């Protein structure tokens, strides 16, 4: 994933109306704006899952 902060935690100006929405929320991948802690846990989980898959 290139930049999860931009996808899950930072609403662009175009998606603020009627309420702030991230690209992930617009694509229905998330139902809220993620906190940094959630993104870190997601990255840790994804990296550990990929290691398990290839070993």
Protein backbone atom coordinates (compact mmCIF):
# COMPACT_ATOMS: atom_id res chain seq x y z
CA UNK A 1 0.00 0.00 0.00
CA UNK A 2 1.54 3.28 -1.07
CA UNK A 3 0.24 5.77 1.48
CA UNK A 4 -2.38 4.49 3.91
CA UNK A 5 -2.49 7.84 5.74
CA UNK A 6 -3.88 9.58 2.65
CA UNK A 7 -6.38 6.78 1.98
CA UNK A 8 -7.71 6.15 5.49
CA UNK A 9 -7.01 9.25 7.60
CA UNK A 10 -6.90 12.39 5.47
CA UNK A 11 -10.09 13.60 3.79
CA UNK A 12 -9.38 15.59 0.62
CA UNK A 13 -11.26 18.85 0.10
CA UNK A 14 -13.43 17.30 -2.63
CA UNK A 15 -14.86 14.72 -0.20
CA UNK A 16 -15.65 17.05 2.71
CA UNK A 17 -19.21 17.89 1.64
CA UNK A 18 -21.60 17.07 3.46
CA UNK A 19 -19.16 15.67 6.05
CA UNK A 20 -15.44 14.74 5.97
CA UNK A 21 -14.87 11.50 4.11
CA UNK A 22 -11.62 9.74 3.22
CA UNK A 23 -11.09 7.93 -0.10
CA UNK A 24 -11.40 4.63 1.80
CA UNK A 25 -14.78 5.74 3.16
CA UNK A 26 -15.91 6.78 -0.32
CA UNK A 27 -14.93 3.32 -1.61
CA UNK A 28 -16.70 1.74 1.42
CA UNK A 29 -13.46 0.18 2.71
CA UNK A 30 -13.78 2.05 6.03
CA UNK A 31 -16.64 3.51 8.02
CA UNK A 32 -14.66 6.17 9.90
CA UNK A 33 -11.53 8.31 9.65
CA UNK A 34 -8.72 6.14 10.97
CA UNK A 35 -6.37 7.23 13.73
CA UNK A 36 -2.63 6.85 13.26
CA UNK A 37 -2.64 3.96 15.76
CA UNK A 38 -5.13 2.05 13.61
CA UNK A 39 -3.00 2.54 10.50
CA UNK A 40 0.12 1.31 12.32
CA UNK A 41 -1.74 -1.80 13.54
CA UNK A 42 -3.03 -2.42 10.02
CA UNK A 43 0.48 -2.14 8.52
CA UNK A 44 1.91 -4.44 11.21
CA UNK A 45 -0.84 -6.99 10.60
CA UNK A 46 -0.48 -6.85 6.81
CA UNK A 47 3.30 -7.22 6.96
CA UNK A 48 3.12 -10.18 9.36
CA UNK A 49 0.40 -11.84 7.27
CA UNK A 50 2.47 -11.51 4.10
CA UNK A 51 5.48 -13.06 5.86
CA UNK A 52 3.37 -16.04 6.94
CA UNK A 53 2.00 -16.52 3.43
CA UNK A 54 5.40 -16.79 1.76
CA UNK A 55 7.15 -19.02 4.31
